PDB file of all heavy atoms in Angstrom:
ATOM      1  N   MET A   1      55.318  68.584 137.000  1.00  0.00           N
ATOM      2  CA  MET A   1      54.185  67.899 137.606  1.00  0.00           C
ATOM      3  C   MET A   1      52.927  68.764 137.453  1.00  0.00           C
ATOM      4  O   MET A   1      52.885  69.880 137.910  1.00  0.00           O
ATOM      5  CB  MET A   1      54.493  67.696 139.094  1.00  0.00           C
ATOM      6  CG  MET A   1      53.952  66.463 139.625  1.00  0.00           C
ATOM      7  SD  MET A   1      54.498  65.921 141.276  1.00  0.00           S
ATOM      8  CE  MET A   1      55.105  67.289 142.136  1.00  0.00           C
ATOM      9  N   GLU A   2      51.938  68.228 136.812  1.00  0.00           N
ATOM     10  CA  GLU A   2      50.704  68.971 136.619  1.00  0.00           C
ATOM     11  C   GLU A   2      49.758  68.718 137.785  1.00  0.00           C
ATOM     12  O   GLU A   2      49.475  67.589 138.140  1.00  0.00           O
ATOM     13  CB  GLU A   2      50.039  68.547 135.318  1.00  0.00           C
ATOM     14  CG  GLU A   2      50.860  68.936 134.107  1.00  0.00           C
ATOM     15  CD  GLU A   2      50.180  68.510 132.834  1.00  0.00           C
ATOM     16  OE1 GLU A   2      48.937  68.442 132.813  1.00  0.00           O
ATOM     17  OE2 GLU A   2      50.900  68.244 131.859  1.00  0.00           O
ATOM     18  N   ARG A   3      49.271  69.763 138.372  1.00  0.00           N
ATOM     19  CA  ARG A   3      48.432  69.684 139.567  1.00  0.00           C
ATOM     20  C   ARG A   3      47.121  68.947 139.314  1.00  0.00           C
ATOM     21  O   ARG A   3      46.638  68.223 140.168  1.00  0.00           O
ATOM     22  CB  ARG A   3      48.148  71.099 140.085  1.00  0.00           C
ATOM     23  CG  ARG A   3      47.407  71.137 141.358  1.00  0.00           C
ATOM     24  CD  ARG A   3      48.311  70.684 142.451  1.00  0.00           C
ATOM     25  NE  ARG A   3      47.624  70.850 143.719  1.00  0.00           N
ATOM     26  CZ  ARG A   3      47.941  70.214 144.785  1.00  0.00           C
ATOM     27  NH1 ARG A   3      48.935  69.375 144.789  1.00  0.00           N
ATOM     28  NH2 ARG A   3      47.296  70.399 145.897  1.00  0.00           N
ATOM     29  N   ASP A   4      46.532  69.126 138.145  1.00  0.00           N
ATOM     30  CA  ASP A   4      45.231  68.513 137.894  1.00  0.00           C
ATOM     31  C   ASP A   4      45.301  67.006 137.666  1.00  0.00           C
ATOM     32  O   ASP A   4      44.297  66.325 137.701  1.00  0.00           O
ATOM     33  CB  ASP A   4      44.518  69.193 136.729  1.00  0.00           C
ATOM     34  CG  ASP A   4      45.320  69.149 135.439  1.00  0.00           C
ATOM     35  OD1 ASP A   4      46.559  69.022 135.496  1.00  0.00           O
ATOM     36  OD2 ASP A   4      44.700  69.263 134.376  1.00  0.00           O
ATOM     37  N   LYS A   5      46.495  66.461 137.464  1.00  0.00           N
ATOM     38  CA  LYS A   5      46.625  65.022 137.249  1.00  0.00           C
ATOM     39  C   LYS A   5      46.942  64.257 138.523  1.00  0.00           C
ATOM     40  O   LYS A   5      46.748  63.063 138.582  1.00  0.00           O
ATOM     41  CB  LYS A   5      47.697  64.742 136.204  1.00  0.00           C
ATOM     42  CG  LYS A   5      47.266  65.124 134.818  1.00  0.00           C
ATOM     43  CD  LYS A   5      48.238  64.626 133.793  1.00  0.00           C
ATOM     44  CE  LYS A   5      47.723  64.957 132.404  1.00  0.00           C
ATOM     45  NZ  LYS A   5      48.602  64.430 131.372  1.00  0.00           N
ATOM     46  N   GLU A   6      47.453  64.932 139.528  1.00  0.00           N
ATOM     47  CA  GLU A   6      47.775  64.239 140.771  1.00  0.00           C
ATOM     48  C   GLU A   6      46.606  64.371 141.750  1.00  0.00           C
ATOM     49  O   GLU A   6      45.894  65.366 141.753  1.00  0.00           O
ATOM     50  CB  GLU A   6      49.056  64.762 141.394  1.00  0.00           C
ATOM     51  CG  GLU A   6      48.975  66.198 141.856  1.00  0.00           C
ATOM     52  CD  GLU A   6      50.287  66.692 142.416  1.00  0.00           C
ATOM     53  OE1 GLU A   6      51.239  66.795 141.644  1.00  0.00           O
ATOM     54  OE2 GLU A   6      50.340  66.978 143.619  1.00  0.00           O
ATOM     55  N   LYS A   7      46.420  63.349 142.540  1.00  0.00           N
ATOM     56  CA  LYS A   7      45.330  63.371 143.510  1.00  0.00           C
ATOM     57  C   LYS A   7      45.854  63.846 144.857  1.00  0.00           C
ATOM     58  O   LYS A   7      47.005  63.615 145.211  1.00  0.00           O
ATOM     59  CB  LYS A   7      44.720  61.979 143.669  1.00  0.00           C
ATOM     60  CG  LYS A   7      43.968  61.533 142.448  1.00  0.00           C
ATOM     61  CD  LYS A   7      43.260  60.235 142.687  1.00  0.00           C
ATOM     62  CE  LYS A   7      42.488  59.812 141.461  1.00  0.00           C
ATOM     63  NZ  LYS A   7      41.747  58.583 141.670  1.00  0.00           N
ATOM     64  N   ILE A   8      45.006  64.500 145.583  1.00  0.00           N
ATOM     65  CA  ILE A   8      45.341  64.990 146.914  1.00  0.00           C
ATOM     66  C   ILE A   8      45.031  63.892 147.924  1.00  0.00           C
ATOM     67  O   ILE A   8      43.968  63.269 147.870  1.00  0.00           O
ATOM     68  CB  ILE A   8      44.536  66.256 147.245  1.00  0.00           C
ATOM     69  CG1 ILE A   8      44.883  67.367 146.256  1.00  0.00           C
ATOM     70  CG2 ILE A   8      44.784  66.705 148.671  1.00  0.00           C
ATOM     71  CD1 ILE A   8      43.996  68.577 146.352  1.00  0.00           C
ATOM     72  N   TRP A   9      45.952  63.657 148.833  1.00  0.00           N
ATOM     73  CA  TRP A   9      45.740  62.673 149.893  1.00  0.00           C
ATOM     74  C   TRP A   9      44.950  63.312 151.027  1.00  0.00           C
ATOM     75  O   TRP A   9      45.217  64.445 151.414  1.00  0.00           O
ATOM     76  CB  TRP A   9      47.078  62.206 150.467  1.00  0.00           C
ATOM     77  CG  TRP A   9      47.771  61.207 149.617  1.00  0.00           C
ATOM     78  CD1 TRP A   9      48.651  61.465 148.607  1.00  0.00           C
ATOM     79  CD2 TRP A   9      47.647  59.796 149.680  1.00  0.00           C
ATOM     80  NE1 TRP A   9      49.084  60.299 148.043  1.00  0.00           N
ATOM     81  CE2 TRP A   9      48.489  59.250 148.685  1.00  0.00           C
ATOM     82  CE3 TRP A   9      46.909  58.932 150.486  1.00  0.00           C
ATOM     83  CZ2 TRP A   9      48.603  57.889 148.483  1.00  0.00           C
ATOM     84  CZ3 TRP A   9      47.027  57.579 150.276  1.00  0.00           C
ATOM     85  CH2 TRP A   9      47.858  57.072 149.285  1.00  0.00           C
ATOM     86  N   ILE A  10      43.957  62.596 151.533  1.00  0.00           N
ATOM     87  CA  ILE A  10      43.273  63.040 152.746  1.00  0.00           C
ATOM     88  C   ILE A  10      43.284  61.894 153.752  1.00  0.00           C
ATOM     89  O   ILE A  10      43.267  60.730 153.389  1.00  0.00           O
ATOM     90  CB  ILE A  10      41.820  63.521 152.481  1.00  0.00           C
ATOM     91  CG1 ILE A  10      40.955  62.422 151.859  1.00  0.00           C
ATOM     92  CG2 ILE A  10      41.808  64.747 151.606  1.00  0.00           C
ATOM     93  CD1 ILE A  10      39.502  62.798 151.748  1.00  0.00           C
ATOM     94  N   VAL A  11      43.346  62.267 155.020  1.00  0.00           N
ATOM     95  CA  VAL A  11      43.347  61.290 156.102  1.00  0.00           C
ATOM     96  C   VAL A  11      41.938  61.215 156.661  1.00  0.00           C
ATOM     97  O   VAL A  11      41.322  62.235 156.948  1.00  0.00           O
ATOM     98  CB  VAL A  11      44.331  61.707 157.223  1.00  0.00           C
ATOM     99  CG1 VAL A  11      44.284  60.723 158.375  1.00  0.00           C
ATOM    100  CG2 VAL A  11      45.736  61.823 156.667  1.00  0.00           C
ATOM    101  N   ILE A  12      41.440  59.995 156.774  1.00  0.00           N
ATOM    102  CA  ILE A  12      40.084  59.777 157.272  1.00  0.00           C
ATOM    103  C   ILE A  12      40.143  59.241 158.693  1.00  0.00           C
ATOM    104  O   ILE A  12      40.808  58.245 158.962  1.00  0.00           O
ATOM    105  CB  ILE A  12      39.326  58.767 156.385  1.00  0.00           C
ATOM    106  CG1 ILE A  12      39.225  59.273 154.955  1.00  0.00           C
ATOM    107  CG2 ILE A  12      37.948  58.477 156.947  1.00  0.00           C
ATOM    108  CD1 ILE A  12      38.350  60.468 154.776  1.00  0.00           C
ATOM    109  N   ASP A  13      39.435  59.892 159.582  1.00  0.00           N
ATOM    110  CA  ASP A  13      39.295  59.455 160.964  1.00  0.00           C
ATOM    111  C   ASP A  13      38.216  58.368 161.017  1.00  0.00           C
ATOM    112  O   ASP A  13      37.311  58.333 160.184  1.00  0.00           O
ATOM    113  CB  ASP A  13      38.880  60.668 161.805  1.00  0.00           C
ATOM    114  CG  ASP A  13      38.647  60.322 163.248  1.00  0.00           C
ATOM    115  OD1 ASP A  13      39.623  60.057 163.965  1.00  0.00           O
ATOM    116  OD2 ASP A  13      37.466  60.302 163.652  1.00  0.00           O
ATOM    117  N   THR A  14      38.318  57.478 161.996  1.00  0.00           N
ATOM    118  CA  THR A  14      37.344  56.391 162.126  1.00  0.00           C
ATOM    119  C   THR A  14      35.916  56.921 162.244  1.00  0.00           C
ATOM    120  O   THR A  14      34.998  56.405 161.601  1.00  0.00           O
ATOM    121  CB  THR A  14      37.669  55.504 163.346  1.00  0.00           C
ATOM    122  OG1 THR A  14      38.990  55.001 163.197  1.00  0.00           O
ATOM    123  CG2 THR A  14      36.702  54.342 163.440  1.00  0.00           C
ATOM    124  N   ASN A  15      35.716  57.956 163.034  1.00  0.00           N
ATOM    125  CA  ASN A  15      34.367  58.510 163.206  1.00  0.00           C
ATOM    126  C   ASN A  15      33.809  59.056 161.896  1.00  0.00           C
ATOM    127  O   ASN A  15      32.629  58.880 161.593  1.00  0.00           O
ATOM    128  CB  ASN A  15      34.382  59.625 164.257  1.00  0.00           C
ATOM    129  CG  ASN A  15      34.681  59.098 165.631  1.00  0.00           C
ATOM    130  OD1 ASN A  15      34.307  57.986 165.982  1.00  0.00           O
ATOM    131  ND2 ASN A  15      35.375  59.887 166.420  1.00  0.00           N
ATOM    132  N   ILE A  16      34.667  59.677 161.115  1.00  0.00           N
ATOM    133  CA  ILE A  16      34.241  60.214 159.818  1.00  0.00           C
ATOM    134  C   ILE A  16      33.883  59.081 158.864  1.00  0.00           C
ATOM    135  O   ILE A  16      32.875  59.134 158.163  1.00  0.00           O
ATOM    136  CB  ILE A  16      35.355  61.096 159.208  1.00  0.00           C
ATOM    137  CG1 ILE A  16      35.707  62.271 160.123  1.00  0.00           C
ATOM    138  CG2 ILE A  16      34.974  61.567 157.824  1.00  0.00           C
ATOM    139  CD1 ILE A  16      34.574  63.223 160.391  1.00  0.00           C
ATOM    140  N   LEU A  17      34.708  58.052 158.838  1.00  0.00           N
ATOM    141  CA  LEU A  17      34.452  56.918 157.956  1.00  0.00           C
ATOM    142  C   LEU A  17      33.145  56.212 158.321  1.00  0.00           C
ATOM    143  O   LEU A  17      32.322  55.922 157.452  1.00  0.00           O
ATOM    144  CB  LEU A  17      35.611  55.924 158.003  1.00  0.00           C
ATOM    145  CG  LEU A  17      35.473  54.700 157.110  1.00  0.00           C
ATOM    146  CD1 LEU A  17      35.339  55.100 155.656  1.00  0.00           C
ATOM    147  CD2 LEU A  17      36.650  53.766 157.300  1.00  0.00           C
ATOM    148  N   ILE A  18      32.934  55.968 159.595  1.00  0.00           N
ATOM    149  CA  ILE A  18      31.691  55.310 160.041  1.00  0.00           C
ATOM    150  C   ILE A  18      30.482  56.171 159.705  1.00  0.00           C
ATOM    151  O   ILE A  18      29.464  55.679 159.221  1.00  0.00           O
ATOM    152  CB  ILE A  18      31.750  54.984 161.542  1.00  0.00           C
ATOM    153  CG1 ILE A  18      32.768  53.873 161.772  1.00  0.00           C
ATOM    154  CG2 ILE A  18      30.379  54.585 162.071  1.00  0.00           C
ATOM    155  CD1 ILE A  18      33.042  53.561 163.223  1.00  0.00           C
ATOM    156  N   SER A  19      30.612  57.471 159.919  1.00  0.00           N
ATOM    157  CA  SER A  19      29.517  58.378 159.589  1.00  0.00           C
ATOM    158  C   SER A  19      29.188  58.320 158.098  1.00  0.00           C
ATOM    159  O   SER A  19      28.025  58.298 157.712  1.00  0.00           O
ATOM    160  CB  SER A  19      29.903  59.805 159.980  1.00  0.00           C
ATOM    161  OG  SER A  19      28.922  60.721 159.578  1.00  0.00           O
ATOM    162  N   ALA A  20      30.229  58.277 157.260  1.00  0.00           N
ATOM    163  CA  ALA A  20      30.016  58.211 155.812  1.00  0.00           C
ATOM    164  C   ALA A  20      29.374  56.887 155.408  1.00  0.00           C
ATOM    165  O   ALA A  20      28.588  56.832 154.463  1.00  0.00           O
ATOM    166  CB  ALA A  20      31.341  58.397 155.084  1.00  0.00           C
ATOM    167  N   LEU A  21      29.714  55.815 156.107  1.00  0.00           N
ATOM    168  CA  LEU A  21      29.120  54.516 155.804  1.00  0.00           C
ATOM    169  C   LEU A  21      27.647  54.462 156.216  1.00  0.00           C
ATOM    170  O   LEU A  21      26.830  53.837 155.549  1.00  0.00           O
ATOM    171  CB  LEU A  21      29.895  53.401 156.509  1.00  0.00           C
ATOM    172  CG  LEU A  21      31.315  53.151 156.004  1.00  0.00           C
ATOM    173  CD1 LEU A  21      32.033  52.168 156.925  1.00  0.00           C
ATOM    174  CD2 LEU A  21      31.300  52.652 154.578  1.00  0.00           C
ATOM    175  N   ILE A  22      27.324  55.124 157.308  1.00  0.00           N
ATOM    176  CA  ILE A  22      25.940  55.118 157.807  1.00  0.00           C
ATOM    177  C   ILE A  22      25.053  56.042 156.967  1.00  0.00           C
ATOM    178  O   ILE A  22      23.940  55.684 156.605  1.00  0.00           O
ATOM    179  CB  ILE A  22      25.903  55.535 159.291  1.00  0.00           C
ATOM    180  CG1 ILE A  22      26.555  54.451 160.143  1.00  0.00           C
ATOM    181  CG2 ILE A  22      24.475  55.803 159.749  1.00  0.00           C
ATOM    182  CD1 ILE A  22      26.752  54.832 161.595  1.00  0.00           C
ATOM    183  N   LYS A  23      25.558  57.239 156.693  1.00  0.00           N
ATOM    184  CA  LYS A  23      24.782  58.230 155.937  1.00  0.00           C
ATOM    185  C   LYS A  23      25.284  58.260 154.500  1.00  0.00           C
ATOM    186  O   LYS A  23      26.129  59.075 154.135  1.00  0.00           O
ATOM    187  CB  LYS A  23      24.920  59.606 156.583  1.00  0.00           C
ATOM    188  CG  LYS A  23      24.380  59.670 157.979  1.00  0.00           C
ATOM    189  CD  LYS A  23      24.591  61.043 158.568  1.00  0.00           C
ATOM    190  CE  LYS A  23      24.076  61.097 159.992  1.00  0.00           C
ATOM    191  NZ  LYS A  23      24.340  62.406 160.587  1.00  0.00           N
ATOM    192  N   ASP A  24      24.760  57.394 153.689  1.00  0.00           N
ATOM    193  CA  ASP A  24      25.219  57.207 152.314  1.00  0.00           C
ATOM    194  C   ASP A  24      25.043  58.454 151.447  1.00  0.00           C
ATOM    195  O   ASP A  24      25.767  58.653 150.475  1.00  0.00           O
ATOM    196  CB  ASP A  24      24.493  56.026 151.681  1.00  0.00           C
ATOM    197  CG  ASP A  24      25.141  55.568 150.401  1.00  0.00           C
ATOM    198  OD1 ASP A  24      26.392  55.525 150.366  1.00  0.00           O
ATOM    199  OD2 ASP A  24      24.414  55.265 149.456  1.00  0.00           O
ATOM    200  N   ASP A  25      24.098  59.315 151.777  1.00  0.00           N
ATOM    201  CA  ASP A  25      23.848  60.504 150.957  1.00  0.00           C
ATOM    202  C   ASP A  25      24.509  61.766 151.511  1.00  0.00           C
ATOM    203  O   ASP A  25      24.258  62.863 151.037  1.00  0.00           O
ATOM    204  CB  ASP A  25      22.344  60.722 150.789  1.00  0.00           C
ATOM    205  CG  ASP A  25      21.636  60.971 152.112  1.00  0.00           C
ATOM    206  OD1 ASP A  25      22.178  60.589 153.168  1.00  0.00           O
ATOM    207  OD2 ASP A  25      20.531  61.540 152.091  1.00  0.00           O
ATOM    208  N   SER A  26      25.391  61.616 152.501  1.00  0.00           N
ATOM    209  CA  SER A  26      26.051  62.774 153.100  1.00  0.00           C
ATOM    210  C   SER A  26      27.142  63.321 152.188  1.00  0.00           C
ATOM    211  O   SER A  26      27.643  62.624 151.296  1.00  0.00           O
ATOM    212  CB  SER A  26      26.664  62.408 154.457  1.00  0.00           C
ATOM    213  OG  SER A  26      27.753  61.528 154.285  1.00  0.00           O
ATOM    214  N   ILE A  27      27.514  64.557 152.421  1.00  0.00           N
ATOM    215  CA  ILE A  27      28.587  65.194 151.657  1.00  0.00           C
ATOM    216  C   ILE A  27      29.887  64.415 151.836  1.00  0.00           C
ATOM    217  O   ILE A  27      30.617  64.172 150.869  1.00  0.00           O
ATOM    218  CB  ILE A  27      28.782  66.659 152.114  1.00  0.00           C
ATOM    219  CG1 ILE A  27      27.537  67.485 151.837  1.00  0.00           C
ATOM    220  CG2 ILE A  27      30.019  67.269 151.462  1.00  0.00           C
ATOM    221  CD1 ILE A  27      27.236  67.710 150.387  1.00  0.00           C
ATOM    222  N   THR A  28      30.174  64.009 153.066  1.00  0.00           N
ATOM    223  CA  THR A  28      31.397  63.259 153.352  1.00  0.00           C
ATOM    224  C   THR A  28      31.430  61.962 152.563  1.00  0.00           C
ATOM    225  O   THR A  28      32.459  61.605 151.982  1.00  0.00           O
ATOM    226  CB  THR A  28      31.502  62.960 154.858  1.00  0.00           C
ATOM    227  OG1 THR A  28      31.374  64.180 155.585  1.00  0.00           O
ATOM    228  CG2 THR A  28      32.813  62.304 155.193  1.00  0.00           C
ATOM    229  N   SER A  29      30.338  61.258 152.542  1.00  0.00           N
ATOM    230  CA  SER A  29      30.259  60.009 151.791  1.00  0.00           C
ATOM    231  C   SER A  29      30.497  60.250 150.300  1.00  0.00           C
ATOM    232  O   SER A  29      31.220  59.500 149.650  1.00  0.00           O
ATOM    233  CB  SER A  29      28.893  59.363 152.004  1.00  0.00           C
ATOM    234  OG  SER A  29      28.784  58.176 151.281  1.00  0.00           O
ATOM    235  N   LYS A  30      29.911  61.291 149.770  1.00  0.00           N
ATOM    236  CA  LYS A  30      30.081  61.615 148.351  1.00  0.00           C
ATOM    237  C   LYS A  30      31.530  61.970 148.033  1.00  0.00           C
ATOM    238  O   LYS A  30      32.052  61.590 146.986  1.00  0.00           O
ATOM    239  CB  LYS A  30      29.142  62.752 147.956  1.00  0.00           C
ATOM    240  CG  LYS A  30      27.690  62.336 147.958  1.00  0.00           C
ATOM    241  CD  LYS A  30      26.778  63.490 147.665  1.00  0.00           C
ATOM    242  CE  LYS A  30      25.326  63.036 147.762  1.00  0.00           C
ATOM    243  NZ  LYS A  30      24.390  64.131 147.573  1.00  0.00           N
ATOM    244  N   ILE A  31      32.193  62.692 148.941  1.00  0.00           N
ATOM    245  CA  ILE A  31      33.598  63.060 148.743  1.00  0.00           C
ATOM    246  C   ILE A  31      34.473  61.815 148.738  1.00  0.00           C
ATOM    247  O   ILE A  31      35.340  61.647 147.881  1.00  0.00           O
ATOM    248  CB  ILE A  31      34.063  64.052 149.828  1.00  0.00           C
ATOM    249  CG1 ILE A  31      33.403  65.420 149.603  1.00  0.00           C
ATOM    250  CG2 ILE A  31      35.581  64.185 149.832  1.00  0.00           C
ATOM    251  CD1 ILE A  31      33.614  66.400 150.727  1.00  0.00           C
ATOM    252  N   ILE A  32      34.244  60.920 149.708  1.00  0.00           N
ATOM    253  CA  ILE A  32      35.039  59.700 149.814  1.00  0.00           C
ATOM    254  C   ILE A  32      34.863  58.828 148.572  1.00  0.00           C
ATOM    255  O   ILE A  32      35.814  58.273 148.038  1.00  0.00           O
ATOM    256  CB  ILE A  32      34.670  58.916 151.090  1.00  0.00           C
ATOM    257  CG1 ILE A  32      35.141  59.691 152.323  1.00  0.00           C
ATOM    258  CG2 ILE A  32      35.271  57.512 151.078  1.00  0.00           C
ATOM    259  CD1 ILE A  32      34.656  59.117 153.639  1.00  0.00           C
ATOM    260  N   LYS A  33      33.643  58.721 148.080  1.00  0.00           N
ATOM    261  CA  LYS A  33      33.346  57.863 146.935  1.00  0.00           C
ATOM    262  C   LYS A  33      33.649  58.503 145.582  1.00  0.00           C
ATOM    263  O   LYS A  33      33.649  57.823 144.571  1.00  0.00           O
ATOM    264  CB  LYS A  33      31.873  57.456 146.963  1.00  0.00           C
ATOM    265  CG  LYS A  33      31.525  56.575 148.138  1.00  0.00           C
ATOM    266  CD  LYS A  33      30.051  56.300 148.163  1.00  0.00           C
ATOM    267  CE  LYS A  33      29.654  55.473 149.367  1.00  0.00           C
ATOM    268  NZ  LYS A  33      28.207  55.261 149.413  1.00  0.00           N
ATOM    269  N   SER A  34      33.925  59.794 145.567  1.00  0.00           N
ATOM    270  CA  SER A  34      34.108  60.516 144.306  1.00  0.00           C
ATOM    271  C   SER A  34      35.345  60.089 143.521  1.00  0.00           C
ATOM    272  O   SER A  34      35.373  60.212 142.308  1.00  0.00           O
ATOM    273  CB  SER A  34      34.190  62.020 144.569  1.00  0.00           C
ATOM    274  OG  SER A  34      35.417  62.343 145.210  1.00  0.00           O
ATOM    275  N   GLY A  35      36.362  59.626 144.217  1.00  0.00           N
ATOM    276  CA  GLY A  35      37.596  59.255 143.540  1.00  0.00           C
ATOM    277  C   GLY A  35      38.507  60.435 143.256  1.00  0.00           C
ATOM    278  O   GLY A  35      39.554  60.285 142.644  1.00  0.00           O
ATOM    279  N   ILE A  36      38.119  61.608 143.685  1.00  0.00           N
ATOM    280  CA  ILE A  36      38.937  62.804 143.487  1.00  0.00           C
ATOM    281  C   ILE A  36      40.173  62.760 144.372  1.00  0.00           C
ATOM    282  O   ILE A  36      41.240  63.210 143.986  1.00  0.00           O
ATOM    283  CB  ILE A  36      38.118  64.078 143.783  1.00  0.00           C
ATOM    284  CG1 ILE A  36      36.980  64.204 142.777  1.00  0.00           C
ATOM    285  CG2 ILE A  36      39.001  65.315 143.762  1.00  0.00           C
ATOM    286  CD1 ILE A  36      35.998  65.302 143.115  1.00  0.00           C
TER     287      ILE A  36
END
């Protein structure tokens, strides 16, 4: 199994998700939308 081909799972809390939706240019929003 090659590490660079598998994606890491992250758990998103409701507060974090709402914050990312409100602040579109935030680091959290960019991480969520990155597809990494």
